[in-house]
Structure formats: C-alpha cells, structure tokens
N, C-alpha and C. Protein backbone atom coordinates (compact mmCIF):
# COMPACT_ATOMS: atom_id res chain seq x y z
N MET A 1 -12.86 1.20 28.68
CA MET A 1 -11.58 1.18 29.66
C MET A 1 -10.36 0.52 28.57
N LYS A 2 -9.16 1.48 28.51
CA LYS A 2 -7.97 0.77 27.86
C LYS A 2 -7.03 0.33 28.67
N LEU A 3 -6.57 -1.12 28.45
CA LEU A 3 -5.62 -1.83 29.50
C LEU A 3 -4.32 -1.80 28.81
N LEU A 4 -3.38 -2.09 29.03
CA LEU A 4 -1.94 -2.30 28.41
C LEU A 4 -1.79 -3.75 29.46
N TYR A 5 -1.59 -4.79 28.53
CA TYR A 5 -1.49 -6.33 29.08
C TYR A 5 -0.04 -6.55 28.82
N ALA A 6 0.79 -7.27 29.80
CA ALA A 6 2.09 -7.28 29.05
C ALA A 6 2.47 -8.96 29.57
N GLU A 7 2.61 -9.92 29.16
CA GLU A 7 2.61 -11.09 29.47
C GLU A 7 3.67 -12.13 28.37
N ASP A 8 4.79 -12.94 28.19
CA ASP A 8 5.65 -13.13 27.32
C ASP A 8 5.06 -14.64 27.03
N GLU A 9 4.20 -15.42 27.55
CA GLU A 9 3.41 -16.73 27.20
C GLU A 9 2.55 -16.16 26.52
N LYS A 10 2.45 -16.76 25.02
CA LYS A 10 1.51 -15.96 23.94
C LYS A 10 0.04 -16.77 24.89
N SER A 11 0.19 -18.03 24.58
CA SER A 11 -1.00 -18.61 24.89
C SER A 11 -1.92 -17.92 25.98
N MET A 12 -1.46 -17.98 27.16
CA MET A 12 -1.93 -17.29 28.39
C MET A 12 -2.36 -15.46 28.16
N SER A 13 -1.52 -15.19 27.28
CA SER A 13 -1.89 -13.89 26.66
C SER A 13 -3.26 -13.44 25.77
N GLU A 14 -2.94 -14.56 24.89
CA GLU A 14 -4.49 -14.91 23.88
C GLU A 14 -5.79 -14.85 24.66
N ALA A 15 -5.50 -15.78 25.96
CA ALA A 15 -6.53 -16.41 26.43
C ALA A 15 -7.28 -15.39 27.38
N VAL A 16 -6.04 -14.42 27.92
CA VAL A 16 -6.96 -13.07 28.94
C VAL A 16 -7.12 -12.03 27.84
N VAL A 17 -6.48 -11.66 26.84
CA VAL A 17 -7.12 -10.90 25.82
C VAL A 17 -8.34 -11.22 25.31
N ASP A 18 -8.89 -12.66 24.71
CA ASP A 18 -10.39 -12.95 24.34
C ASP A 18 -10.98 -12.44 25.88
N ILE A 19 -10.78 -12.89 26.88
CA ILE A 19 -11.64 -12.80 28.00
C ILE A 19 -11.77 -11.02 28.31
N LEU A 20 -10.75 -10.44 28.29
CA LEU A 20 -11.04 -9.09 28.12
C LEU A 20 -12.16 -8.16 27.33
N THR A 21 -11.40 -8.91 26.21
CA THR A 21 -12.27 -8.40 25.33
C THR A 21 -13.93 -8.24 25.10
N TYR A 22 -14.03 -9.19 25.63
CA TYR A 22 -15.50 -9.80 25.73
C TYR A 22 -16.02 -9.21 26.63
N HIS A 23 -15.27 -8.65 27.96
CA HIS A 23 -15.96 -8.12 29.09
C HIS A 23 -15.83 -6.43 28.34
N LYS A 24 -15.49 -6.23 27.21
CA LYS A 24 -15.56 -4.97 26.88
C LYS A 24 -14.41 -3.78 27.22
N TYR A 25 -13.49 -4.17 27.67
CA TYR A 25 -11.73 -3.72 27.85
C TYR A 25 -11.15 -3.85 26.40
N ILE A 26 -10.52 -2.47 25.61
CA ILE A 26 -9.46 -2.44 24.89
C ILE A 26 -8.26 -2.67 25.54
N VAL A 27 -7.56 -3.82 24.74
CA VAL A 27 -6.58 -4.18 25.34
C VAL A 27 -4.98 -4.32 24.23
N ASP A 28 -4.30 -3.66 24.77
CA ASP A 28 -2.87 -3.57 23.74
C ASP A 28 -2.06 -4.98 24.78
N ALA A 29 -1.66 -5.87 23.74
CA ALA A 29 -0.96 -6.63 24.53
C ALA A 29 0.77 -6.67 24.12
N VAL A 30 1.31 -6.57 25.02
CA VAL A 30 2.98 -7.15 24.54
C VAL A 30 3.29 -8.13 25.35
N TYR A 31 4.83 -8.59 24.81
CA TYR A 31 5.42 -9.66 25.22
C TYR A 31 6.38 -9.32 25.95
N ASP A 32 7.04 -8.70 25.76
CA ASP A 32 8.37 -8.01 26.76
C ASP A 32 8.11 -7.08 27.50
N GLY A 33 9.65 -6.71 28.78
CA GLY A 33 9.31 -5.65 29.23
C GLY A 33 9.70 -4.20 28.52
N GLU A 34 10.36 -4.46 27.48
CA GLU A 34 10.95 -3.36 26.81
C GLU A 34 9.68 -2.46 25.79
N GLU A 35 9.00 -3.47 25.67
CA GLU A 35 7.81 -3.20 24.83
C GLU A 35 6.94 -2.46 25.74
N ALA A 36 6.75 -3.16 27.16
CA ALA A 36 5.45 -2.94 28.15
C ALA A 36 6.16 -1.37 28.72
N LEU A 37 7.43 -1.04 28.77
CA LEU A 37 7.72 0.41 28.80
C LEU A 37 7.36 1.11 28.13
N SER A 38 7.82 1.04 26.72
CA SER A 38 7.82 1.71 25.90
C SER A 38 6.28 2.04 25.58
N TYR A 39 5.27 0.96 25.43
CA TYR A 39 3.87 1.30 25.15
C TYR A 39 3.20 2.37 26.48
N ALA A 40 3.44 1.73 27.71
CA ALA A 40 3.24 2.88 28.97
C ALA A 40 3.31 4.16 29.11
N LEU A 41 4.51 4.24 28.16
CA LEU A 41 5.18 5.70 28.04
C LEU A 41 4.19 7.04 26.98
N ALA A 42 4.15 5.74 25.96
CA ALA A 42 3.65 6.34 24.73
C ALA A 42 2.49 6.57 24.82
N GLU A 43 1.40 5.70 25.61
CA GLU A 43 0.07 5.87 25.32
C GLU A 43 -0.67 5.86 27.03
N GLN A 44 -2.02 6.29 26.62
CA GLN A 44 -2.85 6.81 28.01
C GLN A 44 -3.66 5.77 28.29
N TYR A 45 -3.21 5.03 29.55
CA TYR A 45 -4.07 3.45 29.65
C TYR A 45 -5.19 4.11 31.04
N ASP A 46 -6.13 2.94 31.08
CA ASP A 46 -6.33 3.48 32.36
C ASP A 46 -5.98 2.02 33.33
N GLY A 47 -5.25 1.28 32.85
CA GLY A 47 -5.00 0.32 34.21
C GLY A 47 -4.04 -0.63 33.22
N ILE A 48 -2.80 -1.30 33.80
CA ILE A 48 -1.95 -1.93 33.45
C ILE A 48 -1.69 -3.24 33.98
N ILE A 49 -1.96 -4.45 33.59
CA ILE A 49 -1.38 -5.53 33.79
C ILE A 49 -0.17 -6.40 33.49
N LEU A 50 0.85 -6.64 34.31
CA LEU A 50 1.81 -6.60 34.09
C LEU A 50 2.57 -7.94 34.59
N ASP A 51 2.93 -8.83 33.90
CA ASP A 51 3.17 -10.03 34.39
C ASP A 51 4.99 -9.76 34.74
N ILE A 52 5.88 -10.23 36.25
CA ILE A 52 6.90 -9.86 36.84
C ILE A 52 7.84 -10.75 35.75
N MET A 53 7.69 -11.79 35.59
CA MET A 53 8.54 -12.43 35.04
C MET A 53 8.73 -12.20 33.02
N MET A 54 9.39 -11.32 33.12
CA MET A 54 9.46 -11.18 31.35
C MET A 54 10.35 -10.92 30.89
N PRO A 55 11.23 -11.58 29.30
CA PRO A 55 12.34 -10.83 29.04
C PRO A 55 12.75 -9.70 28.73
N GLY A 56 14.10 -9.12 29.02
CA GLY A 56 14.26 -7.81 28.58
C GLY A 56 14.28 -6.61 29.74
N LYS A 57 13.01 -6.37 30.48
CA LYS A 57 13.06 -5.98 31.69
C LYS A 57 12.04 -6.92 32.53
N ASP A 58 11.99 -6.79 33.54
CA ASP A 58 11.03 -7.56 34.09
C ASP A 58 10.12 -6.84 34.56
N GLY A 59 9.13 -6.95 35.00
CA GLY A 59 8.05 -6.32 36.04
C GLY A 59 8.27 -5.35 36.83
N PHE A 60 9.45 -5.85 37.63
CA PHE A 60 9.58 -4.59 38.66
C PHE A 60 10.55 -3.43 38.20
N GLU A 61 11.26 -3.73 37.18
CA GLU A 61 12.23 -2.71 36.44
C GLU A 61 11.18 -2.06 35.69
N VAL A 62 10.06 -2.51 34.94
CA VAL A 62 8.79 -1.79 34.23
C VAL A 62 8.28 -1.12 35.51
N LEU A 63 7.64 -1.16 36.24
CA LEU A 63 7.15 -0.69 37.61
C LEU A 63 7.74 0.52 38.10
N LYS A 64 9.27 0.13 38.09
CA LYS A 64 9.98 0.98 39.04
C LYS A 64 10.07 2.81 38.09
N THR A 65 10.46 2.08 36.78
CA THR A 65 10.98 3.22 36.07
C THR A 65 9.40 4.21 35.57
N LEU A 66 8.37 3.53 35.58
CA LEU A 66 7.29 4.30 35.31
C LEU A 66 7.02 5.44 36.54
N ARG A 67 7.03 4.89 37.84
CA ARG A 67 6.91 5.33 38.92
C ARG A 67 7.81 6.89 38.69
N GLN A 68 8.84 6.15 38.53
CA GLN A 68 10.14 7.36 38.42
C GLN A 68 10.16 8.64 37.76
N LYS A 69 9.40 7.98 36.45
CA LYS A 69 8.73 8.99 35.73
C LYS A 69 7.53 9.78 35.26
N GLY A 70 7.14 9.74 36.80
CA GLY A 70 5.56 9.98 37.39
C GLY A 70 4.03 9.39 36.80
N ASN A 71 4.75 8.34 36.41
CA ASN A 71 3.67 7.69 35.55
C ASN A 71 2.36 6.58 36.74
N ASN A 72 1.31 7.61 37.05
CA ASN A 72 0.34 6.98 38.01
C ASN A 72 -0.55 5.98 37.31
N THR A 73 -0.01 5.24 36.54
CA THR A 73 -1.47 4.55 35.88
C THR A 73 -1.84 3.47 36.87
N PRO A 74 -2.73 2.60 37.62
CA PRO A 74 -2.80 1.79 38.28
C PRO A 74 -2.34 0.62 37.37
N VAL A 75 -1.50 -0.19 38.21
CA VAL A 75 -0.68 -1.49 37.93
C VAL A 75 -1.35 -2.60 38.81
N LEU A 76 -1.51 -3.38 38.08
CA LEU A 76 -1.99 -4.96 38.35
C LEU A 76 -0.68 -5.89 38.55
N LEU A 77 -0.03 -6.39 39.13
CA LEU A 77 1.08 -7.41 38.83
C LEU A 77 0.82 -9.02 38.79
N LEU A 78 1.22 -9.77 37.85
CA LEU A 78 0.84 -11.05 37.92
C LEU A 78 2.18 -11.59 38.13
N THR A 79 2.13 -12.94 38.47
CA THR A 79 3.53 -13.45 38.84
C THR A 79 3.52 -15.05 39.54
N ALA A 80 4.34 -15.78 38.87
CA ALA A 80 4.10 -17.03 39.41
C ALA A 80 4.88 -17.08 41.15
N LYS A 81 5.24 -16.26 40.95
CA LYS A 81 6.11 -16.34 42.42
C LYS A 81 5.26 -16.07 43.58
N SER A 82 4.55 -16.55 44.55
CA SER A 82 4.03 -16.22 45.45
C SER A 82 4.76 -16.07 46.98
N GLU A 83 6.27 -16.03 46.92
CA GLU A 83 6.58 -15.41 48.22
C GLU A 83 6.45 -14.17 48.79
N VAL A 84 5.94 -13.73 49.46
CA VAL A 84 5.71 -13.12 50.49
C VAL A 84 6.46 -11.12 50.09
N GLU A 85 7.97 -12.01 50.02
CA GLU A 85 8.91 -10.96 49.73
C GLU A 85 8.88 -10.03 48.56
N ASP A 86 8.19 -10.76 47.91
CA ASP A 86 7.85 -10.49 46.07
C ASP A 86 6.84 -9.72 46.60
N ARG A 87 6.01 -9.99 47.08
CA ARG A 87 4.57 -9.11 47.00
C ARG A 87 4.66 -7.89 47.47
N ILE A 88 5.34 -7.84 48.89
CA ILE A 88 5.63 -6.34 49.43
C ILE A 88 6.78 -5.56 48.85
N LEU A 89 7.21 -6.38 47.69
CA LEU A 89 8.22 -5.64 47.23
C LEU A 89 7.55 -4.78 45.80
N GLY A 90 6.77 -5.27 45.16
CA GLY A 90 6.25 -4.96 44.29
C GLY A 90 4.95 -3.63 44.55
N LEU A 91 4.22 -4.29 46.07
CA LEU A 91 3.81 -3.13 46.62
C LEU A 91 4.06 -2.06 47.12
N ASP A 92 5.25 -2.13 47.37
CA ASP A 92 6.12 -1.16 47.97
C ASP A 92 6.68 0.18 46.51
N MET A 93 7.06 -0.96 45.61
CA MET A 93 7.57 -0.06 44.32
C MET A 93 6.30 0.77 43.91
N GLY A 94 4.92 0.54 44.20
CA GLY A 94 4.04 1.27 43.51
C GLY A 94 2.78 0.39 42.92
N ALA A 95 3.08 -0.83 42.86
CA ALA A 95 2.18 -1.86 42.49
C ALA A 95 0.44 -1.44 43.07
N ASP A 96 -0.56 -1.62 42.71
CA ASP A 96 -1.83 -1.24 43.38
C ASP A 96 -2.54 -2.59 43.78
N ASP A 97 -2.02 -3.75 43.04
CA ASP A 97 -2.49 -4.91 43.22
C ASP A 97 -1.59 -6.29 42.89
N TYR A 98 -1.96 -7.28 43.39
CA TYR A 98 -0.68 -8.32 43.15
C TYR A 98 -1.75 -9.96 42.88
N LEU A 99 -1.50 -10.32 42.15
CA LEU A 99 -2.41 -11.60 41.95
C LEU A 99 -1.29 -12.93 41.34
N PRO A 100 -1.38 -13.81 42.01
CA PRO A 100 -0.56 -14.81 41.82
C PRO A 100 -0.97 -15.31 40.94
N LYS A 101 -0.28 -16.59 40.09
CA LYS A 101 -0.54 -17.38 39.02
C LYS A 101 -0.61 -18.76 40.19
N PRO A 102 -1.08 -19.64 39.45
CA PRO A 102 -2.55 -19.45 38.55
C PRO A 102 -3.71 -19.10 39.07
N PHE A 103 -4.28 -18.41 37.99
CA PHE A 103 -5.68 -17.48 38.86
C PHE A 103 -6.83 -17.46 38.00
N ALA A 104 -8.08 -17.81 38.64
CA ALA A 104 -9.11 -17.56 37.76
C ALA A 104 -9.31 -16.76 37.31
N MET A 105 -10.42 -16.72 36.13
CA MET A 105 -10.57 -15.63 34.94
C MET A 105 -11.39 -14.62 35.86
N GLY A 106 -12.36 -15.35 36.43
CA GLY A 106 -13.25 -14.32 37.43
C GLY A 106 -11.97 -13.46 38.29
N GLU A 107 -11.73 -14.47 39.10
CA GLU A 107 -10.48 -13.29 39.94
C GLU A 107 -9.79 -12.33 39.08
N LEU A 108 -9.14 -12.71 38.13
CA LEU A 108 -8.60 -11.20 37.40
C LEU A 108 -9.46 -10.31 37.04
N LEU A 109 -10.83 -10.37 36.50
CA LEU A 109 -11.67 -9.68 36.15
C LEU A 109 -12.14 -8.68 37.36
N ALA A 110 -12.49 -9.45 38.75
CA ALA A 110 -12.55 -8.84 39.34
C ALA A 110 -11.60 -7.59 40.38
N ARG A 111 -10.48 -8.23 40.28
CA ARG A 111 -9.15 -7.19 40.52
C ARG A 111 -8.93 -6.33 39.47
N VAL A 112 -9.06 -6.30 37.93
CA VAL A 112 -9.40 -5.20 37.18
C VAL A 112 -10.08 -4.36 37.47
N ARG A 113 -11.45 -4.51 37.97
CA ARG A 113 -12.58 -3.56 38.20
C ARG A 113 -12.40 -2.81 39.42
N ALA A 114 -11.65 -3.57 40.51
CA ALA A 114 -11.51 -2.70 41.65
C ALA A 114 -10.06 -1.98 41.48
N MET A 115 -9.24 -2.30 40.95
CA MET A 115 -7.88 -1.05 40.30
C MET A 115 -8.60 -0.21 39.67
N LEU A 116 -9.79 -0.18 38.71
CA LEU A 116 -10.46 0.80 37.91
C LEU A 116 -10.78 1.60 38.86
N ARG A 117 -11.82 0.52 39.81
CA ARG A 117 -12.28 1.74 40.75
C ARG A 117 -11.89 2.73 41.74
N ARG A 118 -10.64 1.78 41.95
CA ARG A 118 -9.78 2.83 42.98
C ARG A 118 -9.24 3.62 42.24
N LYS A 119 -8.95 3.72 40.78
CA LYS A 119 -8.10 4.87 40.59
C LYS A 119 -9.21 6.20 40.00
N GLU A 120 -10.66 5.83 39.78
CA GLU A 120 -11.79 6.44 39.94
C GLU A 120 -11.85 7.70 41.06
N THR A 121 -11.39 6.74 42.10
CA THR A 121 -12.17 7.23 43.09
C THR A 121 -10.99 7.96 44.64
N PHE A 122 -9.68 7.18 44.07
CA PHE A 122 -8.93 7.96 44.97
C PHE A 122 -7.37 8.74 44.36
N THR A 123 -7.68 8.69 42.86
CA THR A 123 -6.30 9.41 42.35
C THR A 123 -7.01 10.74 41.55
N PRO A 124 -6.91 12.01 42.32
CA PRO A 124 -7.46 13.19 41.77
C PRO A 124 -6.47 13.96 41.33
N ASP A 125 -6.93 14.87 40.50
CA ASP A 125 -5.86 15.59 39.63
C ASP A 125 -5.22 16.66 40.35
N ILE A 126 -6.09 17.00 41.70
CA ILE A 126 -5.54 18.15 42.41
C ILE A 126 -5.34 17.86 44.04
N LEU A 127 -4.07 17.54 44.69
CA LEU A 127 -4.03 17.38 46.15
C LEU A 127 -3.87 18.58 46.53
N LYS A 128 -4.63 18.40 48.06
CA LYS A 128 -4.47 19.66 49.02
C LYS A 128 -4.42 19.20 49.86
N CYS A 129 -3.68 20.46 50.52
CA CYS A 129 -3.51 20.20 52.14
C CYS A 129 -3.32 21.91 52.49
N GLY A 130 -4.34 21.99 53.29
CA GLY A 130 -4.03 23.35 54.03
C GLY A 130 -4.58 24.70 53.04
N SER A 131 -3.44 25.71 52.70
CA SER A 131 -3.96 26.60 51.97
C SER A 131 -3.45 26.22 50.55
N ILE A 132 -2.29 25.37 50.46
CA ILE A 132 -1.91 24.95 48.88
C ILE A 132 -2.58 23.53 48.51
N SER A 133 -2.05 23.39 47.34
CA SER A 133 -2.78 22.46 46.28
C SER A 133 -1.57 22.16 45.26
N LEU A 134 -1.78 20.73 44.67
CA LEU A 134 -0.32 20.03 44.12
C LEU A 134 -1.44 19.59 42.77
N ASN A 135 -0.95 20.35 41.75
CA ASN A 135 -2.08 19.75 40.33
C ASN A 135 -0.40 18.44 39.85
N MET A 136 -1.41 17.24 39.96
CA MET A 136 -0.73 16.04 39.45
C MET A 136 -0.76 15.83 37.82
N GLN A 137 -1.31 17.13 37.24
CA GLN A 137 -0.93 16.89 35.42
C GLN A 137 0.03 17.86 35.36
N SER A 138 0.29 19.04 36.04
CA SER A 138 0.88 20.19 35.43
C SER A 138 1.75 20.49 36.26
N TYR A 139 1.99 19.67 37.80
CA TYR A 139 3.09 19.52 38.51
C TYR A 139 3.31 20.74 39.37
N GLU A 140 2.17 21.74 39.15
CA GLU A 140 2.17 23.62 39.82
C GLU A 140 1.68 22.99 41.19
N LEU A 141 2.57 23.88 41.77
CA LEU A 141 2.39 23.83 43.63
C LEU A 141 1.51 25.24 43.66
N SER A 142 0.69 25.58 44.30
CA SER A 142 -0.16 26.77 44.19
C SER A 142 -0.73 27.01 45.66
N ASN A 143 -0.81 28.56 45.70
CA ASN A 143 -1.79 29.18 47.13
C ASN A 143 -2.94 29.76 46.24
N GLY A 144 -3.37 29.13 45.15
CA GLY A 144 -4.26 29.98 44.49
C GLY A 144 -4.16 31.48 43.89
N LYS A 145 -2.97 32.12 44.33
CA LYS A 145 -2.68 33.51 43.73
C LYS A 145 -1.49 33.21 42.92
N GLN A 146 -0.38 32.52 43.43
CA GLN A 146 0.80 32.20 42.85
C GLN A 146 1.74 30.66 43.14
N ALA A 147 2.10 30.09 42.01
CA ALA A 147 2.38 28.73 41.61
C ALA A 147 3.72 28.57 41.15
N PHE A 148 4.33 27.30 41.40
CA PHE A 148 5.93 27.23 41.03
C PHE A 148 5.64 25.71 40.51
N VAL A 149 6.00 25.26 39.20
CA VAL A 149 6.44 24.27 38.57
C VAL A 149 7.59 23.62 38.83
N LEU A 150 6.74 22.39 39.60
CA LEU A 150 8.15 21.78 40.30
C LEU A 150 8.76 20.82 39.32
N PRO A 151 10.29 20.78 39.77
CA PRO A 151 10.84 19.83 39.04
C PRO A 151 10.59 18.36 39.32
N LYS A 152 10.52 17.23 38.29
CA LYS A 152 10.68 15.95 38.47
C LYS A 152 10.65 15.25 40.15
N LEU A 153 11.71 15.38 41.07
CA LEU A 153 11.97 14.62 42.35
C LEU A 153 11.35 15.82 43.10
N GLU A 154 11.44 16.70 43.09
CA GLU A 154 10.69 17.40 43.99
C GLU A 154 9.01 17.51 43.61
N TYR A 155 8.54 17.33 43.04
CA TYR A 155 7.28 17.03 42.58
C TYR A 155 7.09 15.60 42.78
N GLN A 156 7.62 14.49 42.79
CA GLN A 156 7.55 13.23 43.38
C GLN A 156 7.46 13.33 44.75
N LEU A 157 8.54 13.87 45.62
CA LEU A 157 8.44 14.00 47.05
C LEU A 157 7.45 14.59 47.75
N MET A 158 7.07 15.93 47.33
CA MET A 158 5.79 16.63 47.54
C MET A 158 4.49 16.09 47.55
N GLU A 159 4.32 14.86 46.32
CA GLU A 159 2.85 14.20 45.87
C GLU A 159 3.65 13.38 47.27
N ILE A 160 4.12 12.18 47.23
CA ILE A 160 3.96 11.22 48.48
C ILE A 160 3.97 12.11 50.01
N LEU A 161 4.61 13.19 50.35
CA LEU A 161 4.02 13.88 51.19
C LEU A 161 2.67 14.39 51.96
N MET A 162 1.95 14.63 50.33
CA MET A 162 0.75 15.33 50.46
C MET A 162 -0.16 13.86 50.40
N LEU A 163 0.30 12.96 49.31
CA LEU A 163 -0.48 11.52 49.84
C LEU A 163 -0.35 11.09 51.06
N ASN A 164 0.24 11.27 52.00
CA ASN A 164 0.38 10.81 53.60
C ASN A 164 0.70 11.62 54.75
N GLN A 165 -0.13 12.72 54.30
CA GLN A 165 -0.27 13.79 55.21
C GLN A 165 -0.54 13.62 56.93
N GLY A 166 0.05 14.09 57.74
CA GLY A 166 0.08 13.67 59.08
C GLY A 166 0.81 12.38 59.74
N ILE A 167 1.34 11.72 58.52
CA ILE A 167 2.45 10.55 58.82
C ILE A 167 3.43 10.61 58.63
N TYR A 168 4.60 10.53 59.20
CA TYR A 168 6.07 10.47 59.81
C TYR A 168 6.73 9.52 58.08
N LEU A 169 7.21 9.58 57.55
CA LEU A 169 7.84 8.82 56.36
C LEU A 169 9.51 9.31 56.67
N SER A 170 10.01 7.80 57.02
CA SER A 170 11.36 8.28 57.15
C SER A 170 12.29 8.53 55.97
N SER A 171 13.34 8.71 56.06
CA SER A 171 14.53 9.26 54.99
C SER A 171 14.67 8.47 54.40
N GLU A 172 14.97 6.98 54.71
CA GLU A 172 15.06 5.66 54.00
C GLU A 172 13.59 5.34 52.94
N ASP A 173 12.93 5.57 53.49
CA ASP A 173 11.09 5.35 52.65
C ASP A 173 11.19 6.42 51.49
N LEU A 174 11.46 7.67 51.96
CA LEU A 174 11.10 8.49 50.88
C LEU A 174 12.71 8.60 50.12
N LEU A 175 13.80 7.77 50.03
CA LEU A 175 14.38 7.87 49.28
C LEU A 175 14.12 6.59 48.31
N VAL A 176 13.72 5.57 48.50
CA VAL A 176 13.46 4.50 48.23
C VAL A 176 12.41 4.91 46.81
N LYS A 177 11.41 5.66 47.44
CA LYS A 177 10.13 6.11 46.61
C LYS A 177 10.28 6.93 45.79
N VAL A 178 11.38 7.74 45.84
CA VAL A 178 11.18 9.13 44.83
C VAL A 178 12.42 8.49 44.04
N TRP A 179 13.79 7.92 44.47
CA TRP A 179 15.06 7.89 43.69
C TRP A 179 14.86 6.20 42.99
N GLY A 180 14.56 5.38 43.58
CA GLY A 180 14.67 4.12 43.67
C GLY A 180 15.32 2.85 44.51
N TYR A 181 15.20 1.98 44.12
CA TYR A 181 16.19 1.05 45.02
C TYR A 181 17.25 1.11 44.99
N ASN A 182 17.61 1.03 43.36
CA ASN A 182 19.04 0.74 43.18
C ASN A 182 19.82 2.26 42.96
N THR A 183 19.37 3.21 43.41
CA THR A 183 19.90 4.53 43.29
C THR A 183 21.24 4.54 44.10
N ASP A 184 22.11 5.81 43.38
CA ASP A 184 22.98 5.85 44.03
C ASP A 184 23.21 7.07 45.18
N ALA A 185 22.13 7.67 44.92
CA ALA A 185 21.60 8.73 45.65
C ALA A 185 22.01 8.38 47.50
N GLU A 186 22.57 9.41 48.37
CA GLU A 186 22.44 8.92 49.69
C GLU A 186 21.12 9.64 50.40
N LEU A 187 21.25 9.10 51.49
CA LEU A 187 19.88 9.89 52.60
C LEU A 187 20.16 10.94 52.82
N GLY A 188 21.26 11.58 52.49
CA GLY A 188 21.11 13.66 52.63
C GLY A 188 20.50 13.87 51.47
N THR A 189 20.27 13.26 50.59
CA THR A 189 19.84 14.10 49.26
C THR A 189 18.52 14.10 49.60
N VAL A 190 17.64 13.11 50.41
CA VAL A 190 16.31 13.47 50.93
C VAL A 190 16.36 15.05 51.51
N TRP A 191 17.27 15.13 52.20
CA TRP A 191 17.17 16.52 53.46
C TRP A 191 17.60 17.66 52.58
N VAL A 192 17.78 17.73 51.09
CA VAL A 192 18.61 18.73 50.35
C VAL A 192 17.15 18.81 49.73
N TYR A 193 16.31 18.10 49.01
CA TYR A 193 15.15 18.48 48.82
C TYR A 193 14.30 18.67 49.17
N ILE A 194 13.65 18.21 50.98
CA ILE A 194 12.99 18.61 51.83
C ILE A 194 13.14 20.05 52.00
N SER A 195 14.76 20.47 51.78
CA SER A 195 14.92 21.87 52.21
C SER A 195 14.24 22.99 51.15
N TYR A 196 14.52 22.49 49.68
CA TYR A 196 14.38 23.11 48.87
C TYR A 196 12.46 23.20 48.50
N LEU A 197 11.57 22.10 48.93
CA LEU A 197 10.37 22.14 49.22
C LEU A 197 9.87 23.05 50.22
N ARG A 198 10.64 23.39 51.40
CA ARG A 198 10.25 24.35 52.46
C ARG A 198 10.48 25.80 51.84
N LYS A 199 11.12 25.69 50.92
CA LYS A 199 11.30 27.31 50.62
C LYS A 199 10.43 27.70 49.45
N ARG A 200 10.07 26.91 49.30
CA ARG A 200 8.66 26.85 48.20
C ARG A 200 7.52 27.26 48.68
N LEU A 201 7.14 26.56 49.91
CA LEU A 201 5.97 26.74 51.03
C LEU A 201 6.22 27.67 51.52
N THR A 202 7.39 28.50 51.86
CA THR A 202 7.46 30.04 52.66
C THR A 202 7.11 30.78 51.73
N ALA A 203 7.99 30.26 50.14
CA ALA A 203 7.14 31.70 49.17
C ALA A 203 6.10 31.59 49.00
N LEU A 204 5.34 30.63 49.36
CA LEU A 204 4.27 30.52 48.92
C LEU A 204 2.81 30.91 50.40
N ASP A 205 3.86 31.39 51.51
CA ASP A 205 3.18 31.96 52.36
C ASP A 205 2.20 31.12 53.31
N ALA A 206 2.54 29.35 52.81
CA ALA A 206 1.84 28.38 53.18
C ALA A 206 1.49 28.19 54.55
N ASN A 207 0.55 27.99 55.34
CA ASN A 207 -0.17 27.80 56.45
C ASN A 207 0.04 25.68 56.54
N VAL A 208 1.23 25.47 55.79
CA VAL A 208 1.82 23.74 56.03
C VAL A 208 2.93 24.00 56.02
N ALA A 209 3.53 22.96 56.83
CA ALA A 209 5.31 22.88 56.75
C ALA A 209 5.27 21.53 57.03
N ILE A 210 6.92 21.45 56.38
CA ILE A 210 7.44 19.84 56.45
C ILE A 210 8.26 19.53 57.77
N THR A 211 7.80 18.92 58.69
CA THR A 211 8.21 18.85 59.89
C THR A 211 9.46 17.71 60.17
N ALA A 212 9.82 17.84 60.98
CA ALA A 212 10.99 16.71 60.94
C ALA A 212 10.96 16.12 62.58
N LYS A 213 11.02 14.63 62.73
CA LYS A 213 11.28 14.15 63.66
C LYS A 213 12.65 13.58 63.97
N ARG A 214 13.77 13.77 64.96
CA ARG A 214 14.63 12.81 64.88
C ARG A 214 14.57 11.30 64.78
N ASN A 215 15.55 10.64 63.97
CA ASN A 215 15.23 9.14 63.98
C ASN A 215 14.09 8.53 63.44
N VAL A 216 12.96 9.58 63.14
CA VAL A 216 11.53 8.52 62.61
C VAL A 216 11.54 9.34 61.29
N GLY A 217 11.07 10.56 60.81
CA GLY A 217 11.42 11.02 59.51
C GLY A 217 10.95 12.16 59.57
N TYR A 218 10.01 12.44 58.70
CA TYR A 218 9.50 13.76 57.97
C TYR A 218 7.61 13.27 57.61
N MET A 219 7.02 14.65 57.94
CA MET A 219 5.95 14.93 57.34
C MET A 219 5.03 16.10 57.60
N LEU A 220 4.00 16.13 56.65
CA LEU A 220 3.70 17.33 56.08
C LEU A 220 2.39 17.61 56.91
N GLU A 221 1.91 18.67 57.75
CA GLU A 221 0.74 18.79 58.14
C GLU A 221 0.53 20.59 58.27
N VAL A 222 -0.51 20.79 58.53
CA VAL A 222 -0.77 21.82 58.67
C VAL A 222 -0.59 22.87 59.80
N VAL A 223 0.05 24.16 60.00
CA VAL A 223 0.33 24.71 60.88
C VAL A 223 -0.27 25.77 61.11
N GLN A 224 -0.74 26.58 62.68
CA GLN A 224 -1.41 27.24 62.39
C GLN A 224 -0.63 28.49 62.70
C-alpha cells in the first residue's frame, strides 16, 4: 500500500514514516501543503495522511482542491486542533477520518488500516441506480447501450446524488460539496446543473429521476 504523508514537523514526520515503513507501507513524505497537493495529483496513492496546520496551503485547502478535482483517495486528517467545528468542517469537505494530536502510533496505524479497508469496501468503480451506471474512472453515465462522458461538475453532482440515493440533499449542501466553500457560484447554479443531468437521464431513457421537494432539496430515486 502506498501512502502520502504531509507533515511540516520534520521530527514527527520521520517518526511516523519509520513506523509506517516498518509495517510494510510505502510512504512519500512531504512538508508543506503545496507539495502535498502536487504529489497527490501526480501520483496514485492508496491513502493520504494530511496535517491541517501546514505552510503554503493548509490541509483544508489541499483536501478541498483534491475533492474538487475528482480525486477520491481516502484522507486521514491530523491536527492539533480538537474543536468540534474543525472536525465537522474536515469531514464535510470529504475527509474519511480525523485524528487529533498528540496520538498514539498504535491508534494511527489502526486508523490507516480502517481507512484503507473502507476504500476497498465502499469505493466501487461503478455506481448503479436503476437502469443507469456511473463509471467513477471514465466519468461515463450509461444505460448499458448508450453513454455520455460527463463534464467534471456534472459528474461530481451525479456522483453525490448516486452515493446518496433516496436521500434529499439541500441546494446549499450540493453547492458546497461540488463547488466548494469559497465559491462565487450562487444557489441557482445547482438548479442549472440539475437540469443538465435531468436531460441526460431523459436521453438515456432512464428509470430514475432527480426529484425536488420545496425547501428541502433534491434526491435521486428509481421511478416506475
């Protein structure tokens, strides 16, 4: 298993790399956010261990950019901050787990193992709903006979809807998950992209629909 470990404290980094290497992980160690982002986008990793407090870009910025670019590599956030709000922010931005400093090396190893198990168990290459499937590698939305390669934003929106089948997601939620916390896009943008996806589903003669409930949000569901 190959891991990327981003930590600006050199002594901490060396200690963690030694432990991970001893347990048969291959580890690339970087020391700032810019380098972490560059490595994460250039290489294929099984998991990323990301410290939040780093120079250049902090861990939140790195995580946000990765998810916006469609990088779904599991991320374990490390931080000295223990406030609930910070943990919620990291998880909402797409982190898979959160470990406050200081931590025991045994707990770090357990979190890494759990993160990698979740990747194997819960991150299929193909998402399915009714008569359609979404290929998470090629971005293809297909009915088995016909397919569309979705532009990035359409793909990210469709992926979120398919991962939350039968659950209403608010426009605010979708805007943050697809466009990010600091976006200049307005809520109406979500409706525009929902309409794009509805046209794709119609063209594929899909037996699924994106339904809307006023003041609640949007949901992907199978229709008869």
